[in-house]
Amino acid sequence: MSDVAEQEPLECLPDGLVAALEVRDRWRQQVAAQSTGLEFIVSDLARWPVGSRVRVAFLDGDKALHAKIVEATAQLTDNANLVLDFGLDATTGEFRRWTTNDTTYAAEIRVSFDQPGFWSMVGTDSNDPTLGSPLDLSGGRPNQRSLNLGKFKEVLPARWQGVVRHEFLHAIAFTHEHQNMRGPCEDEFRWEDDAGYVPTTDARGVFVPDAAGRRPGIYTYLAGPPNEWPRPKVDHNLRTSEDPTLVAGPFDNKSIMLYQFAAFFYKSNPSSCAPKGDGINLSEEDVRGLRLLYPEVADELSARANEALKELMDLGSGTDALGGGNSAYYDRATELLRAF
């Protein structure tokens, strides 16, 4: 089947950085599992402070390319109480730059175009000097790449605006939708080969259906070119786990964070895991997530909460501490709580 051979290389962080993240994440999961309620605190570690100014700088590329990146990210910042500061010099039209010799942070998000593939560290990980080896090209140190848009200097890929928005959503703490624990993808992916599959490759070494039409599974396919992923790497990038350090909303098949995989990745066609968005623009749920993660005015939310509390106290007056016997209290309490 041609869709097997035509699948593009998948997004993936460099191996050394993935290894460092896995060590850190295992520690976080252990801590969260031992402490009631800590999972929400731990998950917030990846989020930048609400209302903050997060600096972005470029390693390479020219100002025309940089301007395109800036324009594409406006869809994110238009819907979040967060500023991505690209350091535009109004006189020269140049944007902020960083170098591999930096010893202090020129920016929290350090963009490059010179490494293979598209990838980004998640949220404040990009500013964590404990992530990645000092000898690695990528990591959380001032002289390391935290977000890469490979080959953008040579040619912009199809739906390039979507690629930029996807990677910058990672950079402000969003993760992949296909790994959403509330979604169907774990059960929908064809992890293993069709029964009796005989490993068969084309001229490029890509695994393809055998002479009887039996297909390779995801593990086999991704073990070959162009990805060459071992099984643990597939698990890290595709499988879902009940991770206590993550807070997930409802599964959104229109999310820009949901990958379009080749049809053979899925058990059914059409698949409930397949994206229905355009891959370029944020979905309504993406926007909702941004507004929840970075609410516009924290004081306004606090004021609304105080008003709701006062209304509940008024409704509950004359009843016991739980509003017993007052159905209006219970009904309004439920309504108000759903509003937050």
C-alpha atoms as a PDB file:
ATOM      1  CA  MET A   1       0.000   0.000   0.000  1.00  0.00           C
ATOM      2  CA  SER A   2       1.452   3.349  -0.991  1.00  0.00           C
ATOM      3  CA  ASP A   3       0.499   5.091   2.263  1.00  0.00           C
ATOM      4  CA  VAL A   4       3.037   2.914   4.077  1.00  0.00           C
ATOM      5  CA  ALA A   5       5.902   4.068   1.900  1.00  0.00           C
ATOM      6  CA  GLU A   6       4.867   7.725   1.778  1.00  0.00           C
ATOM      7  CA  GLN A   7       4.692   8.419   5.523  1.00  0.00           C
ATOM      8  CA  GLU A   8       6.933  11.387   6.363  1.00  0.00           C
ATOM      9  CA  PRO A   9       9.548  11.283   9.145  1.00  0.00           C
ATOM     10  CA  LEU A  10       7.896  11.926  12.496  1.00  0.00           C
ATOM     11  CA  GLU A  11       8.637  14.762  14.908  1.00  0.00           C
ATOM     12  CA  CYS A  12      11.057  13.747  17.646  1.00  0.00           C
ATOM     13  CA  LEU A  13      13.418  15.404  20.098  1.00  0.00           C
ATOM     14  CA  PRO A  14      17.120  14.444  19.876  1.00  0.00           C
ATOM     15  CA  ASP A  15      17.886  11.155  21.638  1.00  0.00           C
ATOM     16  CA  GLY A  16      20.131  12.620  24.354  1.00  0.00           C
ATOM     17  CA  LEU A  17      17.479  15.123  25.317  1.00  0.00           C
ATOM     18  CA  VAL A  18      14.764  12.456  25.385  1.00  0.00           C
ATOM     19  CA  ALA A  19      16.898  10.354  27.753  1.00  0.00           C
ATOM     20  CA  ALA A  20      17.357  13.308  30.134  1.00  0.00           C
ATOM     21  CA  LEU A  21      13.630  14.055  30.059  1.00  0.00           C
ATOM     22  CA  GLU A  22      12.718  10.439  30.807  1.00  0.00           C
ATOM     23  CA  VAL A  23      14.923  10.436  33.915  1.00  0.00           C
ATOM     24  CA  ARG A  24      13.373  13.707  35.095  1.00  0.00           C
ATOM     25  CA  ASP A  25       9.813  12.602  34.305  1.00  0.00           C
ATOM     26  CA  ARG A  26      10.182   9.307  36.186  1.00  0.00           C
ATOM     27  CA  TRP A  27      11.235  11.295  39.250  1.00  0.00           C
ATOM     28  CA  ARG A  28       8.255  13.637  38.852  1.00  0.00           C
ATOM     29  CA  GLN A  29       5.845  10.726  38.575  1.00  0.00           C
ATOM     30  CA  GLN A  30       7.228   9.149  41.740  1.00  0.00           C
ATOM     31  CA  VAL A  31       6.903  12.404  43.657  1.00  0.00           C
ATOM     32  CA  ALA A  32       3.392  13.059  42.344  1.00  0.00           C
ATOM     33  CA  ALA A  33       2.245   9.542  43.205  1.00  0.00           C
ATOM     34  CA  GLN A  34       3.392  10.010  46.802  1.00  0.00           C
ATOM     35  CA  SER A  35       1.646  13.317  47.418  1.00  0.00           C
ATOM     36  CA  THR A  36      -2.098  13.958  47.140  1.00  0.00           C
ATOM     37  CA  GLY A  37      -2.893  16.866  44.833  1.00  0.00           C
ATOM     38  CA  LEU A  38       0.685  17.441  43.720  1.00  0.00           C
ATOM     39  CA  GLU A  39      -0.029  16.418  40.145  1.00  0.00           C
ATOM     40  CA  PHE A  40      -1.509  19.824  39.368  1.00  0.00           C
ATOM     41  CA  ILE A  41       1.498  21.606  40.842  1.00  0.00           C
ATOM     42  CA  VAL A  42       3.884  19.371  38.930  1.00  0.00           C
ATOM     43  CA  SER A  43       2.088  19.873  35.622  1.00  0.00           C
ATOM     44  CA  ASP A  44       2.251  23.635  36.114  1.00  0.00           C
ATOM     45  CA  LEU A  45       6.054  23.441  36.144  1.00  0.00           C
ATOM     46  CA  ALA A  46       5.986  23.423  32.344  1.00  0.00           C
ATOM     47  CA  ARG A  47       3.818  26.526  32.077  1.00  0.00           C
ATOM     48  CA  TRP A  48       5.315  29.986  31.851  1.00  0.00           C
ATOM     49  CA  PRO A  49       3.938  32.454  34.441  1.00  0.00           C
ATOM     50  CA  VAL A  50       0.617  33.915  33.321  1.00  0.00           C
ATOM     51  CA  GLY A  51       1.099  37.358  31.812  1.00  0.00           C
ATOM     52  CA  SER A  52       4.861  36.968  31.449  1.00  0.00           C
ATOM     53  CA  ARG A  53       7.080  38.025  28.566  1.00  0.00           C
ATOM     54  CA  VAL A  54       8.918  35.030  27.110  1.00  0.00           C
ATOM     55  CA  ARG A  55      11.887  35.979  24.968  1.00  0.00           C
ATOM     56  CA  VAL A  56      12.494  34.242  21.639  1.00  0.00           C
ATOM     57  CA  ALA A  57      15.725  34.387  19.636  1.00  0.00           C
ATOM     58  CA  PHE A  58      16.979  32.941  16.335  1.00  0.00           C
ATOM     59  CA  LEU A  59      20.297  31.197  15.725  1.00  0.00           C
ATOM     60  CA  ASP A  60      20.208  31.359  11.925  1.00  0.00           C
ATOM     61  CA  GLY A  61      17.943  32.404   9.088  1.00  0.00           C
ATOM     62  CA  ASP A  62      17.270  35.914   7.802  1.00  0.00           C
ATOM     63  CA  LYS A  63      14.858  38.583   8.967  1.00  0.00           C
ATOM     64  CA  ALA A  64      12.319  37.780   6.242  1.00  0.00           C
ATOM     65  CA  LEU A  65      12.049  34.200   7.514  1.00  0.00           C
ATOM     66  CA  HIS A  66      11.968  35.395  11.102  1.00  0.00           C
ATOM     67  CA  ALA A  67       9.101  37.760  10.287  1.00  0.00           C
ATOM     68  CA  LYS A  68       7.085  34.847   8.892  1.00  0.00           C
ATOM     69  CA  ILE A  69       7.605  32.875  12.114  1.00  0.00           C
ATOM     70  CA  VAL A  70       6.529  35.854  14.217  1.00  0.00           C
ATOM     71  CA  GLU A  71       3.394  36.348  12.119  1.00  0.00           C
ATOM     72  CA  ALA A  72       2.428  32.679  12.423  1.00  0.00           C
ATOM     73  CA  THR A  73       2.697  32.712  16.225  1.00  0.00           C
ATOM     74  CA  ALA A  74       0.267  35.623  16.563  1.00  0.00           C
ATOM     75  CA  GLN A  75      -2.619  33.139  16.520  1.00  0.00           C
ATOM     76  CA  LEU A  76      -1.281  31.773  19.824  1.00  0.00           C
ATOM     77  CA  THR A  77      -0.610  35.027  21.645  1.00  0.00           C
ATOM     78  CA  ASP A  78      -3.906  36.536  20.459  1.00  0.00           C
ATOM     79  CA  ASN A  79      -5.585  33.884  22.626  1.00  0.00           C
ATOM     80  CA  ALA A  80      -3.295  33.769  25.660  1.00  0.00           C
ATOM     81  CA  ASN A  81      -2.180  36.133  28.376  1.00  0.00           C
ATOM     82  CA  LEU A  82       1.436  35.628  27.378  1.00  0.00           C
ATOM     83  CA  VAL A  83       3.832  37.666  25.265  1.00  0.00           C
ATOM     84  CA  LEU A  84       6.308  36.051  22.894  1.00  0.00           C
ATOM     85  CA  ASP A  85       8.978  38.749  22.666  1.00  0.00           C
ATOM     86  CA  PHE A  86      11.023  38.349  19.476  1.00  0.00           C
ATOM     87  CA  GLY A  87      13.125  41.442  20.197  1.00  0.00           C
ATOM     88  CA  LEU A  88      12.305  43.344  17.010  1.00  0.00           C
ATOM     89  CA  ASP A  89      14.615  46.273  16.297  1.00  0.00           C
ATOM     90  CA  ALA A  90      12.263  48.769  14.663  1.00  0.00           C
ATOM     91  CA  THR A  91      15.191  50.574  13.027  1.00  0.00           C
ATOM     92  CA  THR A  92      16.792  47.595  11.277  1.00  0.00           C
ATOM     93  CA  GLY A  93      13.880  45.162  11.117  1.00  0.00           C
ATOM     94  CA  GLU A  94      16.094  42.534  12.727  1.00  0.00           C
ATOM     95  CA  PHE A  95      14.860  40.151  15.409  1.00  0.00           C
ATOM     96  CA  ARG A  96      16.701  38.919  18.486  1.00  0.00           C
ATOM     97  CA  ARG A  97      19.477  36.385  17.921  1.00  0.00           C
ATOM     98  CA  TRP A  98      21.354  33.935  20.112  1.00  0.00           C
ATOM     99  CA  THR A  99      24.661  32.116  19.589  1.00  0.00           C
ATOM    100  CA  THR A 100      26.172  28.771  20.528  1.00  0.00           C
ATOM    101  CA  ASN A 101      28.764  30.676  22.572  1.00  0.00           C
ATOM    102  CA  ASP A 102      26.208  32.264  24.911  1.00  0.00           C
ATOM    103  CA  THR A 103      26.818  31.797  28.634  1.00  0.00           C
ATOM    104  CA  THR A 104      23.723  33.717  29.720  1.00  0.00           C
ATOM    105  CA  TYR A 105      20.246  33.384  28.251  1.00  0.00           C
ATOM    106  CA  ALA A 106      19.615  35.617  25.269  1.00  0.00           C
ATOM    107  CA  ALA A 107      16.143  34.083  25.238  1.00  0.00           C
ATOM    108  CA  GLU A 108      14.026  31.441  26.916  1.00  0.00           C
ATOM    109  CA  ILE A 109      13.055  29.930  23.543  1.00  0.00           C
ATOM    110  CA  ARG A 110      16.056  29.483  21.244  1.00  0.00           C
ATOM    111  CA  VAL A 111      15.080  28.729  17.652  1.00  0.00           C
ATOM    112  CA  SER A 112      17.253  27.088  14.999  1.00  0.00           C
ATOM    113  CA  PHE A 113      16.730  25.965  11.413  1.00  0.00           C
ATOM    114  CA  ASP A 114      19.878  23.871  11.009  1.00  0.00           C
ATOM    115  CA  GLN A 115      19.000  20.507  12.604  1.00  0.00           C
ATOM    116  CA  PRO A 116      16.944  17.653  11.104  1.00  0.00           C
ATOM    117  CA  GLY A 117      13.187  17.704  11.608  1.00  0.00           C
ATOM    118  CA  PHE A 118      10.719  19.798  13.568  1.00  0.00           C
ATOM    119  CA  TRP A 119      10.705  19.647  17.357  1.00  0.00           C
ATOM    120  CA  SER A 120      10.516  21.719  20.519  1.00  0.00           C
ATOM    121  CA  MET A 121      11.109  21.295  24.209  1.00  0.00           C
ATOM    122  CA  VAL A 122       7.950  21.690  26.280  1.00  0.00           C
ATOM    123  CA  GLY A 123       7.398  24.938  28.170  1.00  0.00           C
ATOM    124  CA  THR A 124       9.926  25.876  30.826  1.00  0.00           C
ATOM    125  CA  ASP A 125      12.010  22.779  30.009  1.00  0.00           C
ATOM    126  CA  SER A 126      13.679  24.991  27.396  1.00  0.00           C
ATOM    127  CA  ASN A 127      15.132  27.078  30.211  1.00  0.00           C
ATOM    128  CA  ASP A 128      16.252  24.166  32.422  1.00  0.00           C
ATOM    129  CA  PRO A 129      20.065  23.765  32.347  1.00  0.00           C
ATOM    130  CA  THR A 130      19.845  20.261  33.840  1.00  0.00           C
ATOM    131  CA  LEU A 131      18.257  18.896  30.647  1.00  0.00           C
ATOM    132  CA  GLY A 132      20.631  17.600  28.001  1.00  0.00           C
ATOM    133  CA  SER A 133      24.365  17.038  28.109  1.00  0.00           C
ATOM    134  CA  PRO A 134      26.633  20.115  27.967  1.00  0.00           C
ATOM    135  CA  LEU A 135      28.059  18.619  24.764  1.00  0.00           C
ATOM    136  CA  ASP A 136      24.674  18.269  23.057  1.00  0.00           C
ATOM    137  CA  LEU A 137      23.475  20.739  20.435  1.00  0.00           C
ATOM    138  CA  SER A 138      20.024  20.825  22.047  1.00  0.00           C
ATOM    139  CA  GLY A 139      18.925  21.300  25.632  1.00  0.00           C
ATOM    140  CA  GLY A 140      18.039  23.797  28.312  1.00  0.00           C
ATOM    141  CA  ARG A 141      21.324  25.721  28.463  1.00  0.00           C
ATOM    142  CA  PRO A 142      21.849  29.244  27.033  1.00  0.00           C
ATOM    143  CA  ASN A 143      23.955  27.920  24.140  1.00  0.00           C
ATOM    144  CA  GLN A 144      21.639  25.066  23.135  1.00  0.00           C
ATOM    145  CA  ARG A 145      18.707  24.844  20.739  1.00  0.00           C
ATOM    146  CA  SER A 146      15.265  24.477  22.332  1.00  0.00           C
ATOM    147  CA  LEU A 147      13.115  24.591  19.155  1.00  0.00           C
ATOM    148  CA  ASN A 148      14.062  23.539  15.631  1.00  0.00           C
ATOM    149  CA  LEU A 149      12.378  24.086  12.265  1.00  0.00           C
ATOM    150  CA  GLY A 150      14.618  22.041  10.000  1.00  0.00           C
ATOM    151  CA  LYS A 151      15.171  23.189   6.405  1.00  0.00           C
ATOM    152  CA  PHE A 152      12.881  26.216   6.725  1.00  0.00           C
ATOM    153  CA  LYS A 153      15.812  28.209   5.303  1.00  0.00           C
ATOM    154  CA  GLU A 154      15.797  26.162   2.111  1.00  0.00           C
ATOM    155  CA  VAL A 155      12.068  25.815   1.521  1.00  0.00           C
ATOM    156  CA  LEU A 156       8.955  26.304   3.605  1.00  0.00           C
ATOM    157  CA  PRO A 157       7.067  22.987   3.900  1.00  0.00           C
ATOM    158  CA  ALA A 158       3.410  22.612   3.044  1.00  0.00           C
ATOM    159  CA  ARG A 159       1.213  23.978   5.836  1.00  0.00           C
ATOM    160  CA  TRP A 160       4.312  25.564   7.364  1.00  0.00           C
ATOM    161  CA  GLN A 161       2.219  27.918   9.510  1.00  0.00           C
ATOM    162  CA  GLY A 162       0.727  24.870  11.200  1.00  0.00           C
ATOM    163  CA  VAL A 163       4.202  23.469  11.858  1.00  0.00           C
ATOM    164  CA  VAL A 164       5.246  26.745  13.500  1.00  0.00           C
ATOM    165  CA  ARG A 165       2.100  26.894  15.636  1.00  0.00           C
ATOM    166  CA  HIS A 166       2.454  23.236  16.636  1.00  0.00           C
ATOM    167  CA  GLU A 167       6.064  23.680  17.772  1.00  0.00           C
ATOM    168  CA  PHE A 168       5.431  26.964  19.572  1.00  0.00           C
ATOM    169  CA  LEU A 169       2.474  25.385  21.385  1.00  0.00           C
ATOM    170  CA  HIS A 170       4.983  22.824  22.646  1.00  0.00           C
ATOM    171  CA  ALA A 171       7.224  25.715  23.652  1.00  0.00           C
ATOM    172  CA  ILE A 172       4.463  27.166  25.832  1.00  0.00           C
ATOM    173  CA  ALA A 173       3.644  23.813  27.488  1.00  0.00           C
ATOM    174  CA  PHE A 174       1.261  21.895  25.187  1.00  0.00           C
ATOM    175  CA  THR A 175       1.823  18.184  24.462  1.00  0.00           C
ATOM    176  CA  HIS A 176       0.657  15.896  21.648  1.00  0.00           C
ATOM    177  CA  GLU A 177      -3.050  15.219  21.343  1.00  0.00           C
ATOM    178  CA  HIS A 178      -2.542  11.627  20.153  1.00  0.00           C
ATOM    179  CA  GLN A 179      -1.057  10.914  23.601  1.00  0.00           C
ATOM    180  CA  ASN A 180      -4.093  12.335  25.402  1.00  0.00           C
ATOM    181  CA  MET A 181      -5.086   9.704  27.970  1.00  0.00           C
ATOM    182  CA  ARG A 182      -8.759  10.552  27.321  1.00  0.00           C
ATOM    183  CA  GLY A 183      -8.451   9.837  23.610  1.00  0.00           C
ATOM    184  CA  PRO A 184      -8.833   6.703  21.472  1.00  0.00           C
ATOM    185  CA  CYS A 185      -5.384   6.597  19.863  1.00  0.00           C
ATOM    186  CA  GLU A 186      -3.791   4.042  22.189  1.00  0.00           C
ATOM    187  CA  ASP A 187      -6.410   1.484  21.129  1.00  0.00           C
ATOM    188  CA  GLU A 188      -6.663   2.692  17.537  1.00  0.00           C
ATOM    189  CA  PHE A 189      -3.001   2.427  16.556  1.00  0.00           C
ATOM    190  CA  ARG A 190      -1.823  -0.770  14.811  1.00  0.00           C
ATOM    191  CA  TRP A 191       1.204  -1.386  16.992  1.00  0.00           C
ATOM    192  CA  GLU A 192       2.019  -4.896  15.718  1.00  0.00           C
ATOM    193  CA  ASP A 193       2.409  -6.455  12.255  1.00  0.00           C
ATOM    194  CA  ASP A 194      -0.485  -8.187  10.548  1.00  0.00           C
ATOM    195  CA  ALA A 195      -0.399 -11.884  11.454  1.00  0.00           C
ATOM    196  CA  GLY A 196       2.149 -13.721   9.315  1.00  0.00           C
ATOM    197  CA  TYR A 197       3.759 -10.541   7.941  1.00  0.00           C
ATOM    198  CA  VAL A 198       7.058 -11.252   6.186  1.00  0.00           C
ATOM    199  CA  PRO A 199       9.446  -8.266   6.599  1.00  0.00           C
ATOM    200  CA  THR A 200       9.593  -6.620   3.184  1.00  0.00           C
ATOM    201  CA  THR A 201      11.268  -3.369   2.156  1.00  0.00           C
ATOM    202  CA  ASP A 202      11.316  -1.184  -0.917  1.00  0.00           C
ATOM    203  CA  ALA A 203      14.426   0.241  -2.625  1.00  0.00           C
ATOM    204  CA  ARG A 204      14.837   2.830   0.152  1.00  0.00           C
ATOM    205  CA  GLY A 205      14.708   0.222   2.912  1.00  0.00           C
ATOM    206  CA  VAL A 206      11.216   1.347   4.021  1.00  0.00           C
ATOM    207  CA  PHE A 207       9.021  -1.467   5.330  1.00  0.00           C
ATOM    208  CA  VAL A 208       6.058  -2.120   3.024  1.00  0.00           C
ATOM    209  CA  PRO A 209       3.323  -4.785   2.717  1.00  0.00           C
ATOM    210  CA  ASP A 210       4.586  -8.243   1.822  1.00  0.00           C
ATOM    211  CA  ALA A 211       3.642 -10.248  -1.273  1.00  0.00           C
ATOM    212  CA  ALA A 212       0.405 -11.383   0.395  1.00  0.00           C
ATOM    213  CA  GLY A 213      -0.627  -7.809   1.236  1.00  0.00           C
ATOM    214  CA  ARG A 214       0.064  -8.168   4.966  1.00  0.00           C
ATOM    215  CA  ARG A 215       1.189  -4.871   6.496  1.00  0.00           C
ATOM    216  CA  PRO A 216       3.954  -3.916   8.911  1.00  0.00           C
ATOM    217  CA  GLY A 217       2.849  -2.583  12.267  1.00  0.00           C
ATOM    218  CA  ILE A 218       3.952   0.742  13.686  1.00  0.00           C
ATOM    219  CA  TYR A 219       6.888  -0.762  15.607  1.00  0.00           C
ATOM    220  CA  THR A 220       8.260  -2.442  12.486  1.00  0.00           C
ATOM    221  CA  TYR A 221       7.616   0.483  10.153  1.00  0.00           C
ATOM    222  CA  LEU A 222       9.257   3.055  12.417  1.00  0.00           C
ATOM    223  CA  ALA A 223      12.272   0.794  12.925  1.00  0.00           C
ATOM    224  CA  GLY A 224      13.148   1.360   9.269  1.00  0.00           C
ATOM    225  CA  PRO A 225      14.066   4.507   7.300  1.00  0.00           C
ATOM    226  CA  PRO A 226      13.502   7.398   7.530  1.00  0.00           C
ATOM    227  CA  ASN A 227      12.853   7.215  11.304  1.00  0.00           C
ATOM    228  CA  GLU A 228      14.877   4.209  12.535  1.00  0.00           C
ATOM    229  CA  TRP A 229      13.275   4.273  15.969  1.00  0.00           C
ATOM    230  CA  PRO A 230      13.820   1.463  18.501  1.00  0.00           C
ATOM    231  CA  ARG A 231      10.751   0.244  20.371  1.00  0.00           C
ATOM    232  CA  PRO A 232      11.292   2.464  23.495  1.00  0.00           C
ATOM    233  CA  LYS A 233      11.451   5.549  21.287  1.00  0.00           C
ATOM    234  CA  VAL A 234       8.154   4.618  19.656  1.00  0.00           C
ATOM    235  CA  ASP A 235       6.615   4.220  23.118  1.00  0.00           C
ATOM    236  CA  HIS A 236       7.948   7.594  24.264  1.00  0.00           C
ATOM    237  CA  ASN A 237       6.592   9.455  21.246  1.00  0.00           C
ATOM    238  CA  LEU A 238       3.325   7.664  20.514  1.00  0.00           C
ATOM    239  CA  ARG A 239       1.979   5.628  23.403  1.00  0.00           C
ATOM    240  CA  THR A 240      -0.353   6.949  26.061  1.00  0.00           C
ATOM    241  CA  SER A 241       0.278   6.457  29.760  1.00  0.00           C
ATOM    242  CA  GLU A 242      -1.706   7.381  32.853  1.00  0.00           C
ATOM    243  CA  ASP A 243       0.865  10.017  33.767  1.00  0.00           C
ATOM    244  CA  PRO A 244      -0.007  11.730  37.087  1.00  0.00           C
ATOM    245  CA  THR A 245       2.011  14.798  36.063  1.00  0.00           C
ATOM    246  CA  LEU A 246      -0.285  15.672  33.142  1.00  0.00           C
ATOM    247  CA  VAL A 247      -3.657  17.380  33.096  1.00  0.00           C
ATOM    248  CA  ALA A 248      -5.630  16.565  29.941  1.00  0.00           C
ATOM    249  CA  GLY A 249      -8.795  18.035  28.514  1.00  0.00           C
ATOM    250  CA  PRO A 250     -11.253  16.135  26.318  1.00  0.00           C
ATOM    251  CA  PHE A 251      -9.750  14.540  23.204  1.00  0.00           C
ATOM    252  CA  ASP A 252      -9.893  16.986  20.296  1.00  0.00           C
ATOM    253  CA  ASN A 253      -9.649  15.502  16.802  1.00  0.00           C
ATOM    254  CA  LYS A 254      -9.370  19.010  15.320  1.00  0.00           C
ATOM    255  CA  SER A 255      -6.396  20.016  17.454  1.00  0.00           C
ATOM    256  CA  ILE A 256      -3.299  21.272  15.689  1.00  0.00           C
ATOM    257  CA  MET A 257      -1.422  19.069  18.177  1.00  0.00           C
ATOM    258  CA  LEU A 258      -2.913  15.892  16.663  1.00  0.00           C
ATOM    259  CA  TYR A 259      -0.720  14.273  14.023  1.00  0.00           C
ATOM    260  CA  GLN A 260      -1.893  13.099  10.631  1.00  0.00           C
ATOM    261  CA  PHE A 261      -0.554   9.569  10.304  1.00  0.00           C
ATOM    262  CA  ALA A 262      -0.709   7.352   7.237  1.00  0.00           C
ATOM    263  CA  ALA A 263      -3.882   5.243   7.041  1.00  0.00           C
ATOM    264  CA  PHE A 264      -2.050   2.011   7.886  1.00  0.00           C
ATOM    265  CA  PHE A 265      -1.233   3.356  11.360  1.00  0.00           C
ATOM    266  CA  TYR A 266      -4.894   2.925  12.339  1.00  0.00           C
ATOM    267  CA  LYS A 267      -7.028  -0.166  12.902  1.00  0.00           C
ATOM    268  CA  SER A 268     -10.125   1.390  11.346  1.00  0.00           C
ATOM    269  CA  ASN A 269     -10.847   3.689   8.430  1.00  0.00           C
ATOM    270  CA  PRO A 270     -11.988   6.334   9.066  1.00  0.00           C
ATOM    271  CA  SER A 271     -10.309   6.285  12.468  1.00  0.00           C
ATOM    272  CA  SER A 272     -11.559   8.083  15.557  1.00  0.00           C
ATOM    273  CA  CYS A 273      -7.909   9.022  16.166  1.00  0.00           C
ATOM    274  CA  ALA A 274      -7.403  10.666  12.766  1.00  0.00           C
ATOM    275  CA  PRO A 275      -7.377  14.479  12.689  1.00  0.00           C
ATOM    276  CA  LYS A 276     -10.282  16.433  11.268  1.00  0.00           C
ATOM    277  CA  GLY A 277      -8.690  19.874  11.483  1.00  0.00           C
ATOM    278  CA  ASP A 278      -6.839  21.632   8.658  1.00  0.00           C
ATOM    279  CA  GLY A 279      -3.426  21.239  10.303  1.00  0.00           C
ATOM    280  CA  ILE A 280      -2.815  24.977   9.963  1.00  0.00           C
ATOM    281  CA  ASN A 281      -5.113  26.801  12.368  1.00  0.00           C
ATOM    282  CA  LEU A 282      -5.831  26.320  16.057  1.00  0.00           C
ATOM    283  CA  SER A 283      -9.031  24.466  16.841  1.00  0.00           C
ATOM    284  CA  GLU A 284     -11.674  25.849  19.179  1.00  0.00           C
ATOM    285  CA  GLU A 285     -10.390  23.500  21.891  1.00  0.00           C
ATOM    286  CA  ASP A 286      -6.793  24.632  21.273  1.00  0.00           C
ATOM    287  CA  VAL A 287      -7.945  28.193  21.859  1.00  0.00           C
ATOM    288  CA  ARG A 288      -9.892  27.147  24.939  1.00  0.00           C
ATOM    289  CA  GLY A 289      -6.794  25.389  26.273  1.00  0.00           C
ATOM    290  CA  LEU A 290      -4.685  28.501  25.758  1.00  0.00           C
ATOM    291  CA  ARG A 291      -7.209  30.654  27.597  1.00  0.00           C
ATOM    292  CA  LEU A 292      -7.380  28.194  30.479  1.00  0.00           C
ATOM    293  CA  LEU A 293      -3.599  27.843  30.725  1.00  0.00           C
ATOM    294  CA  TYR A 294      -2.958  31.561  30.321  1.00  0.00           C
ATOM    295  CA  PRO A 295      -6.140  33.372  31.440  1.00  0.00           C
ATOM    296  CA  GLU A 296      -6.390  36.979  30.369  1.00  0.00           C
ATOM    297  CA  VAL A 297      -6.841  38.624  33.749  1.00  0.00           C
ATOM    298  CA  ALA A 298      -6.128  36.672  36.922  1.00  0.00           C
ATOM    299  CA  ASP A 299      -7.660  39.435  39.044  1.00  0.00           C
ATOM    300  CA  GLU A 300     -10.882  39.212  37.019  1.00  0.00           C
ATOM    301  CA  LEU A 301     -11.083  35.474  37.642  1.00  0.00           C
ATOM    302  CA  SER A 302     -10.488  36.040  41.327  1.00  0.00           C
ATOM    303  CA  ALA A 303     -13.234  38.671  41.433  1.00  0.00           C
ATOM    304  CA  ARG A 304     -15.669  36.302  39.694  1.00  0.00           C
ATOM    305  CA  ALA A 305     -14.832  33.596  42.192  1.00  0.00           C
ATOM    306  CA  ASN A 306     -15.446  35.979  45.110  1.00  0.00           C
ATOM    307  CA  GLU A 307     -18.783  37.072  43.631  1.00  0.00           C
ATOM    308  CA  ALA A 308     -19.808  33.429  43.217  1.00  0.00           C
ATOM    309  CA  LEU A 309     -18.807  32.669  46.803  1.00  0.00           C
ATOM    310  CA  LYS A 310     -20.852  35.605  48.118  1.00  0.00           C
ATOM    311  CA  GLU A 311     -23.893  34.487  46.109  1.00  0.00           C
ATOM    312  CA  LEU A 312     -23.608  30.963  47.500  1.00  0.00           C
ATOM    313  CA  MET A 313     -23.284  32.277  51.044  1.00  0.00           C
ATOM    314  CA  ASP A 314     -26.449  34.355  50.551  1.00  0.00           C
ATOM    315  CA  LEU A 315     -28.330  31.367  49.136  1.00  0.00           C
ATOM    316  CA  GLY A 316     -27.081  29.145  51.924  1.00  0.00           C
ATOM    317  CA  SER A 317     -27.969  31.482  54.785  1.00  0.00           C
ATOM    318  CA  GLY A 318     -30.511  29.965  57.147  1.00  0.00           C
ATOM    319  CA  THR A 319     -29.446  26.415  56.256  1.00  0.00           C
ATOM    320  CA  ASP A 320     -26.815  24.155  57.702  1.00  0.00           C
ATOM    321  CA  ALA A 321     -23.160  24.493  56.672  1.00  0.00           C
ATOM    322  CA  LEU A 322     -23.729  22.386  53.565  1.00  0.00           C
ATOM    323  CA  GLY A 323     -26.881  24.141  52.468  1.00  0.00           C
ATOM    324  CA  GLY A 324     -28.981  21.178  53.499  1.00  0.00           C
ATOM    325  CA  GLY A 325     -32.618  21.405  52.529  1.00  0.00           C
ATOM    326  CA  ASN A 326     -31.995  24.267  50.117  1.00  0.00           C
ATOM    327  CA  SER A 327     -32.287  22.911  46.571  1.00  0.00           C
ATOM    328  CA  ALA A 328     -31.689  26.380  45.100  1.00  0.00           C
ATOM    329  CA  TYR A 329     -28.318  26.401  46.877  1.00  0.00           C
ATOM    330  CA  TYR A 330     -27.292  23.074  45.398  1.00  0.00           C
ATOM    331  CA  ASP A 331     -28.526  23.974  41.898  1.00  0.00           C
ATOM    332  CA  ARG A 332     -26.780  27.338  41.845  1.00  0.00           C
ATOM    333  CA  ALA A 333     -23.601  25.896  43.381  1.00  0.00           C
ATOM    334  CA  THR A 334     -23.420  23.345  40.590  1.00  0.00           C
ATOM    335  CA  GLU A 335     -23.998  26.009  37.939  1.00  0.00           C
ATOM    336  CA  LEU A 336     -21.318  28.325  39.355  1.00  0.00           C
ATOM    337  CA  LEU A 337     -18.744  25.609  39.753  1.00  0.00           C
ATOM    338  CA  ARG A 338     -19.181  24.561  36.133  1.00  0.00           C
ATOM    339  CA  ALA A 339     -18.405  28.153  35.100  1.00  0.00           C
ATOM    340  CA  PHE A 340     -14.833  27.978  36.417  1.00  0.00           C
END
